[in-house]
C-alpha atoms as a PDB file:
ATOM      1  CA  MET A   1     101.502 135.342 -10.437  1.00  0.00           C
ATOM      2  CA  ARG A   2     103.821 136.498  -7.816  1.00  0.00           C
ATOM      3  CA  TYR A   3     101.918 135.754  -4.349  1.00  0.00           C
ATOM      4  CA  GLY A   4     103.267 137.736  -1.723  1.00  0.00           C
ATOM      5  CA  THR A   5     102.797 137.899   2.319  1.00  0.00           C
ATOM      6  CA  PRO A   6      99.427 138.824   3.177  1.00  0.00           C
ATOM      7  CA  SER A   7      98.820 142.288   4.915  1.00  0.00           C
ATOM      8  CA  ARG A   8      98.718 141.770   8.907  1.00  0.00           C
ATOM      9  CA  PRO A   9      95.398 141.740   9.440  1.00  0.00           C
ATOM     10  CA  ALA A  10      95.104 139.220   6.705  1.00  0.00           C
ATOM     11  CA  HIS A  11      97.974 136.887   9.050  1.00  0.00           C
ATOM     12  CA  ARG A  12      96.384 137.143  11.887  1.00  0.00           C
ATOM     13  CA  ALA A  13      92.544 135.935  10.870  1.00  0.00           C
ATOM     14  CA  THR A  14      94.321 133.134   8.944  1.00  0.00           C
ATOM     15  CA  ALA A  15      96.369 131.944  12.431  1.00  0.00           C
ATOM     16  CA  ASP A  16      92.969 132.229  14.382  1.00  0.00           C
ATOM     17  CA  GLY A  17      90.547 130.681  12.046  1.00  0.00           C
ATOM     18  CA  GLY A  18      91.957 128.910   9.011  1.00  0.00           C
ATOM     19  CA  LEU A  19      95.128 127.401  10.642  1.00  0.00           C
ATOM     20  CA  ALA A  20      93.326 126.478  13.586  1.00  0.00           C
ATOM     21  CA  LEU A  21      91.059 124.406  11.732  1.00  0.00           C
ATOM     22  CA  VAL A  22      93.712 122.561   9.520  1.00  0.00           C
ATOM     23  CA  ALA A  23      95.479 121.726  12.682  1.00  0.00           C
ATOM     24  CA  ARG A  24      92.144 120.099  14.202  1.00  0.00           C
ATOM     25  CA  GLY A  25      91.389 118.766  11.203  1.00  0.00           C
ATOM     26  CA  LEU A  26      94.663 116.409  11.740  1.00  0.00           C
ATOM     27  CA  GLY A  27      94.211 112.707  11.137  1.00  0.00           C
ATOM     28  CA  PRO A  28      92.366 110.151   9.323  1.00  0.00           C
ATOM     29  CA  ALA A  29      88.408 111.093   9.371  1.00  0.00           C
ATOM     30  CA  GLY A  30      86.156 110.257  11.462  1.00  0.00           C
ATOM     31  CA  GLN A  31      88.776 110.080  14.106  1.00  0.00           C
ATOM     32  CA  HIS A  32      87.325 111.438  17.728  1.00  0.00           C
ATOM     33  CA  ARG A  33      88.740 114.982  18.570  1.00  0.00           C
ATOM     34  CA  PRO A  34      90.809 114.643  22.209  1.00  0.00           C
ATOM     35  CA  ASP A  35      89.184 116.233  24.983  1.00  0.00           C
ATOM     36  CA  PRO A  36      90.746 119.457  26.640  1.00  0.00           C
ATOM     37  CA  PRO A  37      93.192 119.338  29.580  1.00  0.00           C
ATOM     38  CA  ARG A  38      90.616 120.555  31.795  1.00  0.00           C
ATOM     39  CA  ALA A  39      87.959 118.494  30.726  1.00  0.00           C
ATOM     40  CA  ARG A  40      90.269 115.361  31.356  1.00  0.00           C
ATOM     41  CA  ARG A  41      91.409 116.060  34.991  1.00  0.00           C
ATOM     42  CA  ARG A  42      87.295 116.355  35.813  1.00  0.00           C
ATOM     43  CA  ALA A  43      86.925 113.426  34.486  1.00  0.00           C
ATOM     44  CA  ARG A  44      89.508 111.633  36.369  1.00  0.00           C
ATOM     45  CA  ALA A  45      88.541 113.457  39.496  1.00  0.00           C
ATOM     46  CA  GLU A  46      85.013 111.940  39.629  1.00  0.00           C
ATOM     47  CA  PRO A  47      85.715 108.417  40.503  1.00  0.00           C
ATOM     48  CA  LEU A  48      87.823 109.287  43.205  1.00  0.00           C
ATOM     49  CA  ARG A  49      84.670 110.573  45.437  1.00  0.00           C
ATOM     50  CA  PRO A  50      83.342 107.600  46.454  1.00  0.00           C
ATOM     51  CA  PHE A  51      86.916 106.815  48.101  1.00  0.00           C
ATOM     52  CA  GLN A  52      86.852 110.098  49.485  1.00  0.00           C
ATOM     53  CA  LEU A  53      83.741 109.710  51.337  1.00  0.00           C
ATOM     54  CA  LEU A  54      84.147 106.609  52.920  1.00  0.00           C
ATOM     55  CA  THR A  55      87.673 108.186  54.339  1.00  0.00           C
ATOM     56  CA  ARG A  56      85.856 111.070  55.808  1.00  0.00           C
ATOM     57  CA  GLY A  57      83.157 108.609  57.351  1.00  0.00           C
ATOM     58  CA  LEU A  58      85.529 106.446  58.774  1.00  0.00           C
ATOM     59  CA  ALA A  59      87.480 109.214  60.633  1.00  0.00           C
ATOM     60  CA  ALA A  60      83.755 110.174  61.711  1.00  0.00           C
ATOM     61  CA  LEU A  61      83.280 106.974  63.623  1.00  0.00           C
ATOM     62  CA  ILE A  62      86.633 107.107  65.049  1.00  0.00           C
ATOM     63  CA  LEU A  63      86.461 110.550  66.312  1.00  0.00           C
ATOM     64  CA  PHE A  64      82.955 109.347  68.061  1.00  0.00           C
ATOM     65  CA  ALA A  65      84.126 105.705  69.131  1.00  0.00           C
ATOM     66  CA  LEU A  66      87.051 108.316  71.108  1.00  0.00           C
ATOM     67  CA  LEU A  67      84.447 110.669  72.196  1.00  0.00           C
ATOM     68  CA  GLY A  68      82.805 108.073  73.461  1.00  0.00           C
ATOM     69  CA  MET A  69      85.154 106.367  75.758  1.00  0.00           C
ATOM     70  CA  PHE A  70      86.441 109.253  77.254  1.00  0.00           C
ATOM     71  CA  GLY A  71      82.784 109.835  78.222  1.00  0.00           C
ATOM     72  CA  PHE A  72      82.805 106.413  79.483  1.00  0.00           C
ATOM     73  CA  LEU A  73      85.599 106.997  81.425  1.00  0.00           C
ATOM     74  CA  VAL A  74      84.891 110.266  83.099  1.00  0.00           C
ATOM     75  CA  PHE A  75      81.440 108.680  84.563  1.00  0.00           C
ATOM     76  CA  ALA A  76      82.986 105.826  85.484  1.00  0.00           C
ATOM     77  CA  ASP A  77      85.403 107.634  87.873  1.00  0.00           C
ATOM     78  CA  ARG A  78      83.141 110.004  89.155  1.00  0.00           C
ATOM     79  CA  PHE A  79      81.038 106.699  89.890  1.00  0.00           C
ATOM     80  CA  ARG A  80      83.847 105.488  91.734  1.00  0.00           C
ATOM     81  CA  ASP A  81      84.401 108.615  93.665  1.00  0.00           C
ATOM     82  CA  ARG A  82      80.949 108.209  94.952  1.00  0.00           C
ATOM     83  CA  ALA A  83      81.368 104.864  95.732  1.00  0.00           C
ATOM     84  CA  PRO A  84      81.347 104.227  99.844  1.00  0.00           C
ATOM     85  CA  ALA A  85      84.748 104.086 100.843  1.00  0.00           C
ATOM     86  CA  THR A  86      85.496  99.896 102.656  1.00  0.00           C
ATOM     87  CA  THR A  87      88.303  99.132 104.599  1.00  0.00           C
ATOM     88  CA  LEU A  88      88.889  95.557 104.519  1.00  0.00           C
ATOM     89  CA  ALA A  89      90.494  94.428 107.616  1.00  0.00           C
ATOM     90  CA  PRO A  90      93.871  92.451 107.692  1.00  0.00           C
ATOM     91  CA  ALA A  91      93.645  88.917 107.549  1.00  0.00           C
ATOM     92  CA  GLU A  92      95.959  88.268 109.863  1.00  0.00           C
ATOM     93  CA  VAL A  93      97.127  91.626 112.758  1.00  0.00           C
ATOM     94  CA  ALA A  94      99.820  91.346 115.557  1.00  0.00           C
ATOM     95  CA  GLN A  95      97.965  91.886 118.754  1.00  0.00           C
ATOM     96  CA  PRO A  96      99.355  91.791 122.249  1.00  0.00           C
ATOM     97  CA  GLN A  97      97.861  88.818 124.422  1.00  0.00           C
ATOM     98  CA  THR A  98      97.454  89.174 128.347  1.00  0.00           C
ATOM     99  CA  LEU A  99      99.875  87.439 130.437  1.00  0.00           C
ATOM    100  CA  SER A 100      99.430  84.044 131.758  1.00  0.00           C
ATOM    101  CA  LEU A 101     101.872  80.943 132.274  1.00  0.00           C
ATOM    102  CA  GLY A 102     100.035  78.844 129.819  1.00  0.00           C
ATOM    103  CA  SER A 103     100.790  81.568 126.934  1.00  0.00           C
ATOM    104  CA  VAL A 104     104.155  82.216 127.638  1.00  0.00           C
ATOM    105  CA  PHE A 105     105.723  79.383 128.592  1.00  0.00           C
ATOM    106  CA  GLY A 106     103.043  76.757 127.409  1.00  0.00           C
ATOM    107  CA  GLU A 107     101.571  73.533 129.163  1.00  0.00           C
ATOM    108  CA  ARG A 108     104.480  71.175 129.076  1.00  0.00           C
ATOM    109  CA  ASP A 109     107.240  71.078 130.705  1.00  0.00           C
ATOM    110  CA  GLU A 110     109.832  72.803 128.154  1.00  0.00           C
ATOM    111  CA  VAL A 111     109.822  75.098 125.736  1.00  0.00           C
ATOM    112  CA  ARG A 112     111.637  74.635 122.478  1.00  0.00           C
ATOM    113  CA  PRO A 113     113.038  77.636 120.476  1.00  0.00           C
ATOM    114  CA  GLU A 114     113.548  78.031 116.952  1.00  0.00           C
ATOM    115  CA  GLY A 115     117.123  77.044 116.073  1.00  0.00           C
ATOM    116  CA  ALA A 116     117.718  76.377 119.366  1.00  0.00           C
ATOM    117  CA  ALA A 117     120.436  72.922 120.314  1.00  0.00           C
ATOM    118  CA  GLY A 118     117.622  71.363 122.128  1.00  0.00           C
ATOM    119  CA  PRO A 119     114.448  72.094 124.947  1.00  0.00           C
ATOM    120  CA  TYR A 120     114.950  74.458 127.597  1.00  0.00           C
ATOM    121  CA  ALA A 121     113.299  72.782 130.570  1.00  0.00           C
ATOM    122  CA  ILE A 122     110.766  74.321 132.611  1.00  0.00           C
ATOM    123  CA  ASP A 123     111.868  73.562 137.168  1.00  0.00           C
ATOM    124  CA  LEU A 124     110.104  76.749 137.925  1.00  0.00           C
ATOM    125  CA  ARG A 125     106.783  78.689 137.035  1.00  0.00           C
ATOM    126  CA  HIS A 126     105.850  82.349 138.572  1.00  0.00           C
ATOM    127  CA  MET A 127     103.051  84.740 138.087  1.00  0.00           C
ATOM    128  CA  SER A 128     102.387  87.878 140.614  1.00  0.00           C
ATOM    129  CA  ALA A 129     100.662  90.889 140.211  1.00  0.00           C
ATOM    130  CA  ASP A 130     103.485  92.333 142.596  1.00  0.00           C
ATOM    131  CA  CYS A 131     105.976  93.476 139.805  1.00  0.00           C
ATOM    132  CA  ALA A 132     109.275  94.083 142.752  1.00  0.00           C
ATOM    133  CA  GLU A 133     108.647  89.940 143.358  1.00  0.00           C
ATOM    134  CA  ALA A 134     110.741  89.917 140.624  1.00  0.00           C
ATOM    135  CA  THR A 135     113.267  92.562 140.527  1.00  0.00           C
ATOM    136  CA  THR A 136     115.943  93.745 143.063  1.00  0.00           C
ATOM    137  CA  GLY A 137     117.354  97.027 144.114  1.00  0.00           C
ATOM    138  CA  GLU A 138     114.836 100.335 142.589  1.00  0.00           C
ATOM    139  CA  LEU A 139     113.466  98.607 139.567  1.00  0.00           C
ATOM    140  CA  GLY A 140     110.855  97.466 141.132  1.00  0.00           C
ATOM    141  CA  ALA A 141     109.698 101.374 141.398  1.00  0.00           C
ATOM    142  CA  LEU A 142     110.420 101.300 138.500  1.00  0.00           C
ATOM    143  CA  LEU A 143     108.298  99.539 137.586  1.00  0.00           C
ATOM    144  CA  ASP A 144     105.213 100.520 139.595  1.00  0.00           C
ATOM    145  CA  ARG A 145     105.578 103.993 138.859  1.00  0.00           C
ATOM    146  CA  TYR A 146     104.959 102.837 134.863  1.00  0.00           C
ATOM    147  CA  GLY A 147     102.057 101.303 135.625  1.00  0.00           C
ATOM    148  CA  CYS A 148     103.402  97.494 135.577  1.00  0.00           C
ATOM    149  CA  ARG A 149     100.132  95.425 135.853  1.00  0.00           C
ATOM    150  CA  GLU A 150     101.700  91.230 136.532  1.00  0.00           C
ATOM    151  CA  VAL A 151     105.013  89.202 135.785  1.00  0.00           C
ATOM    152  CA  VAL A 152     105.047  85.742 134.630  1.00  0.00           C
ATOM    153  CA  ARG A 153     108.159  83.990 134.814  1.00  0.00           C
ATOM    154  CA  ALA A 154     110.026  80.549 134.959  1.00  0.00           C
ATOM    155  CA  GLY A 155     113.143  78.588 135.890  1.00  0.00           C
ATOM    156  CA  LEU A 156     115.058  76.667 132.459  1.00  0.00           C
ATOM    157  CA  ILE A 157     117.671  74.710 132.356  1.00  0.00           C
ATOM    158  CA  ALA A 158     119.247  75.757 129.262  1.00  0.00           C
ATOM    159  CA  PRO A 159     120.591  72.944 126.457  1.00  0.00           C
ATOM    160  CA  TYR A 160     123.837  73.920 127.298  1.00  0.00           C
ATOM    161  CA  PRO A 161     125.601  72.305 129.797  1.00  0.00           C
ATOM    162  CA  GLY A 162     126.087  74.390 132.979  1.00  0.00           C
ATOM    163  CA  TYR A 163     123.971  77.133 131.778  1.00  0.00           C
ATOM    164  CA  ARG A 164     120.409  78.482 133.686  1.00  0.00           C
ATOM    165  CA  VAL A 165     118.171  81.088 132.588  1.00  0.00           C
ATOM    166  CA  THR A 166     115.427  83.091 134.416  1.00  0.00           C
ATOM    167  CA  ALA A 167     112.758  84.668 131.632  1.00  0.00           C
ATOM    168  CA  GLY A 168     109.895  86.653 131.803  1.00  0.00           C
ATOM    169  CA  ALA A 169     107.469  89.412 131.285  1.00  0.00           C
ATOM    170  CA  PHE A 170     106.382  92.335 132.553  1.00  0.00           C
ATOM    171  CA  ASP A 171     102.947  94.051 131.498  1.00  0.00           C
ATOM    172  CA  LEU A 172     102.803  97.592 131.686  1.00  0.00           C
ATOM    173  CA  ALA A 173     100.282 100.486 131.263  1.00  0.00           C
ATOM    174  CA  ASP A 174     101.525 101.109 127.758  1.00  0.00           C
ATOM    175  CA  ALA A 175     103.845 100.592 124.929  1.00  0.00           C
ATOM    176  CA  ALA A 176     105.303 104.125 125.897  1.00  0.00           C
ATOM    177  CA  GLY A 177     106.020 102.928 129.569  1.00  0.00           C
ATOM    178  CA  ALA A 178     107.658 100.183 128.646  1.00  0.00           C
ATOM    179  CA  THR A 179     110.270 102.121 125.886  1.00  0.00           C
ATOM    180  CA  GLU A 180     111.411 104.331 128.838  1.00  0.00           C
ATOM    181  CA  VAL A 181     111.928 101.315 131.328  1.00  0.00           C
ATOM    182  CA  GLU A 182     114.008  99.650 128.767  1.00  0.00           C
ATOM    183  CA  ASP A 183     116.037 103.209 128.326  1.00  0.00           C
ATOM    184  CA  LEU A 184     116.293 103.381 131.931  1.00  0.00           C
ATOM    185  CA  LEU A 185     117.240  99.897 133.336  1.00  0.00           C
ATOM    186  CA  ARG A 186     120.951 100.129 131.588  1.00  0.00           C
ATOM    187  CA  GLY A 187     121.704 103.124 134.292  1.00  0.00           C
ATOM    188  CA  LEU A 188     119.949 100.508 136.643  1.00  0.00           C
ATOM    189  CA  VAL A 189     122.266  97.494 135.979  1.00  0.00           C
ATOM    190  CA  GLU A 190     125.339  99.202 135.250  1.00  0.00           C
ATOM    191  CA  GLY A 191     125.387 100.518 138.126  1.00  0.00           C
ATOM    192  CA  GLY A 192     124.349  97.946 140.508  1.00  0.00           C
ATOM    193  CA  ASP A 193     121.390  99.943 141.216  1.00  0.00           C
ATOM    194  CA  GLY A 194     118.367  97.367 140.356  1.00  0.00           C
ATOM    195  CA  GLY A 195     118.169  94.676 138.071  1.00  0.00           C
ATOM    196  CA  PHE A 196     116.192  90.571 137.744  1.00  0.00           C
ATOM    197  CA  ALA A 197     115.428  88.255 140.178  1.00  0.00           C
ATOM    198  CA  THR A 198     116.453  84.661 140.007  1.00  0.00           C
ATOM    199  CA  LEU A 199     114.748  81.755 140.319  1.00  0.00           C
ATOM    200  CA  PRO A 200     114.708  80.082 142.219  1.00  0.00           C
ATOM    201  CA  ALA A 201     116.385  82.726 144.123  1.00  0.00           C
ATOM    202  CA  ALA A 202     120.293  83.750 144.356  1.00  0.00           C
ATOM    203  CA  GLU A 203     122.099  83.283 147.504  1.00  0.00           C
ATOM    204  CA  ALA A 204     123.608  86.254 148.920  1.00  0.00           C
ATOM    205  CA  GLY A 205     127.178  87.104 148.038  1.00  0.00           C
ATOM    206  CA  THR A 206     127.018  85.567 144.388  1.00  0.00           C
ATOM    207  CA  THR A 207     128.884  86.921 141.346  1.00  0.00           C
ATOM    208  CA  THR A 208     126.488  89.651 139.408  1.00  0.00           C
ATOM    209  CA  PRO A 209     124.619  87.566 136.436  1.00  0.00           C
ATOM    210  CA  GLN A 210     124.246  88.458 132.823  1.00  0.00           C
ATOM    211  CA  VAL A 211     121.133  89.591 131.896  1.00  0.00           C
ATOM    212  CA  GLY A 212     119.487  90.923 128.742  1.00  0.00           C
ATOM    213  CA  TRP A 213     115.791  92.654 128.256  1.00  0.00           C
ATOM    214  CA  HIS A 214     113.475  94.291 125.554  1.00  0.00           C
ATOM    215  CA  ALA A 215     110.329  96.092 124.496  1.00  0.00           C
ATOM    216  CA  ARG A 216     107.812  94.504 122.945  1.00  0.00           C
ATOM    217  CA  GLY A 217     104.819  96.471 122.703  1.00  0.00           C
ATOM    218  CA  HIS A 218     103.819  97.086 126.379  1.00  0.00           C
ATOM    219  CA  PHE A 219     105.609  94.593 127.321  1.00  0.00           C
ATOM    220  CA  LEU A 220     109.230  94.379 128.851  1.00  0.00           C
ATOM    221  CA  LEU A 221     110.791  91.181 128.089  1.00  0.00           C
ATOM    222  CA  TYR A 222     113.721  89.723 130.120  1.00  0.00           C
ATOM    223  CA  CYS A 223     116.110  86.807 131.316  1.00  0.00           C
ATOM    224  CA  VAL A 224     119.115  86.329 133.345  1.00  0.00           C
ATOM    225  CA  ILE A 225     121.654  83.912 132.676  1.00  0.00           C
ATOM    226  CA  THR A 226     124.057  82.227 135.381  1.00  0.00           C
ATOM    227  CA  ARG A 227     126.047  79.131 135.703  1.00  0.00           C
ATOM    228  CA  ALA A 228     125.532  76.160 137.882  1.00  0.00           C
ATOM    229  CA  ASP A 229     129.037  76.235 139.330  1.00  0.00           C
ATOM    230  CA  GLY A 230     128.681  80.153 139.931  1.00  0.00           C
ATOM    231  CA  ARG A 231     131.301  81.461 137.885  1.00  0.00           C
ATOM    232  CA  LEU A 232     130.752  84.837 136.319  1.00  0.00           C
ATOM    233  CA  VAL A 233     129.040  84.703 132.708  1.00  0.00           C
ATOM    234  CA  PRO A 234     130.996  87.406 130.902  1.00  0.00           C
ATOM    235  CA  SER A 235     129.137  89.859 128.563  1.00  0.00           C
ATOM    236  CA  ASP A 236     130.638  88.152 125.340  1.00  0.00           C
ATOM    237  CA  ASP A 237     129.932  85.170 126.158  1.00  0.00           C
ATOM    238  CA  PRO A 238     128.531  83.484 122.965  1.00  0.00           C
ATOM    239  CA  VAL A 239     126.771  81.186 124.936  1.00  0.00           C
ATOM    240  CA  ALA A 240     124.804  83.862 126.657  1.00  0.00           C
ATOM    241  CA  VAL A 241     124.131  85.694 123.556  1.00  0.00           C
ATOM    242  CA  ARG A 242     123.201  82.979 122.052  1.00  0.00           C
ATOM    243  CA  ILE A 243     120.369  82.148 124.767  1.00  0.00           C
ATOM    244  CA  THR A 244     119.456  85.941 124.915  1.00  0.00           C
ATOM    245  CA  ALA A 245     118.319  85.545 121.468  1.00  0.00           C
ATOM    246  CA  GLU A 246     116.752  82.379 121.658  1.00  0.00           C
ATOM    247  CA  ILE A 247     114.673  82.873 124.584  1.00  0.00           C
ATOM    248  CA  ILE A 248     113.777  86.891 124.217  1.00  0.00           C
ATOM    249  CA  ASP A 249     113.770  87.813 120.240  1.00  0.00           C
ATOM    250  CA  THR A 250     112.372  83.952 119.363  1.00  0.00           C
ATOM    251  CA  HIS A 251     110.320  82.429 122.565  1.00  0.00           C
ATOM    252  CA  LEU A 252     109.508  85.301 124.392  1.00  0.00           C
ATOM    253  CA  ALA A 253     108.323  87.603 121.554  1.00  0.00           C
ATOM    254  CA  GLU A 254     106.747  84.901 119.485  1.00  0.00           C
ATOM    255  CA  SER A 255     104.223  83.599 121.883  1.00  0.00           C
ATOM    256  CA  LEU A 256     103.085  87.368 123.288  1.00  0.00           C
ATOM    257  CA  LEU A 257     102.883  88.889 120.111  1.00  0.00           C
ATOM    258  CA  ARG A 258     101.887  85.876 117.712  1.00  0.00           C
ATOM    259  CA  PRO A 259      99.606  86.745 115.363  1.00  0.00           C
ATOM    260  CA  VAL A 260      95.531  86.967 115.879  1.00  0.00           C
ATOM    261  CA  VAL A 261      93.249  85.871 113.365  1.00  0.00           C
ATOM    262  CA  ALA A 262      90.871  88.996 113.213  1.00  0.00           C
ATOM    263  CA  GLY A 263      86.899  88.036 113.196  1.00  0.00           C
END
């Protein structure tokens, strides 16, 4: 008998039925049949759920921690804004002192500015409520217009042979007035219309001394430099420049404007 090709309907039936059964029945008897792909993916996904829950929990915990920290910072900032402001006074405040012979030139018979070659010996002291007594020419009237209240001065023998110094301070009404007098003085001195008197008083007809001055707060500090032999002290004399720095910028400034501990 010759076998022929099955008809089309029979072929379809065999492919959907008998062929499929033969394919599934391959292998040793009793072998477990493998799961379909979708079932295998579901089985692998199951063990991942606890890890995902743990990760999400940690993320939520971190988020809550950040929110809590942000809230604390906002609260602390608002609390700080409401707190009363307190101002601490500095431990030391530069406060100009009132004039006195002791405060300016001390109780000893000498002063020793820092960096000086030696002590300046004090041989004369003077204090007066009449500022004009320490001036010459028009300077007395100028100081009076700016409320000069008193003057303290001393005659000094410099540690540099042949040099004498008259040094002192005028107490004016305010710092602005002291600064204006400082600016106006140059015209008086250069024009020979006014200046500072020496201790002891210079004899008439002697040469014009070398002078220096500087405003510090409401004080006008000054020094007059002369030579014992009567010779002129030029403006570029290096000894005169050093004396001016030691007396005005160091000794007088530090004596009158030294820091005072705030109580």
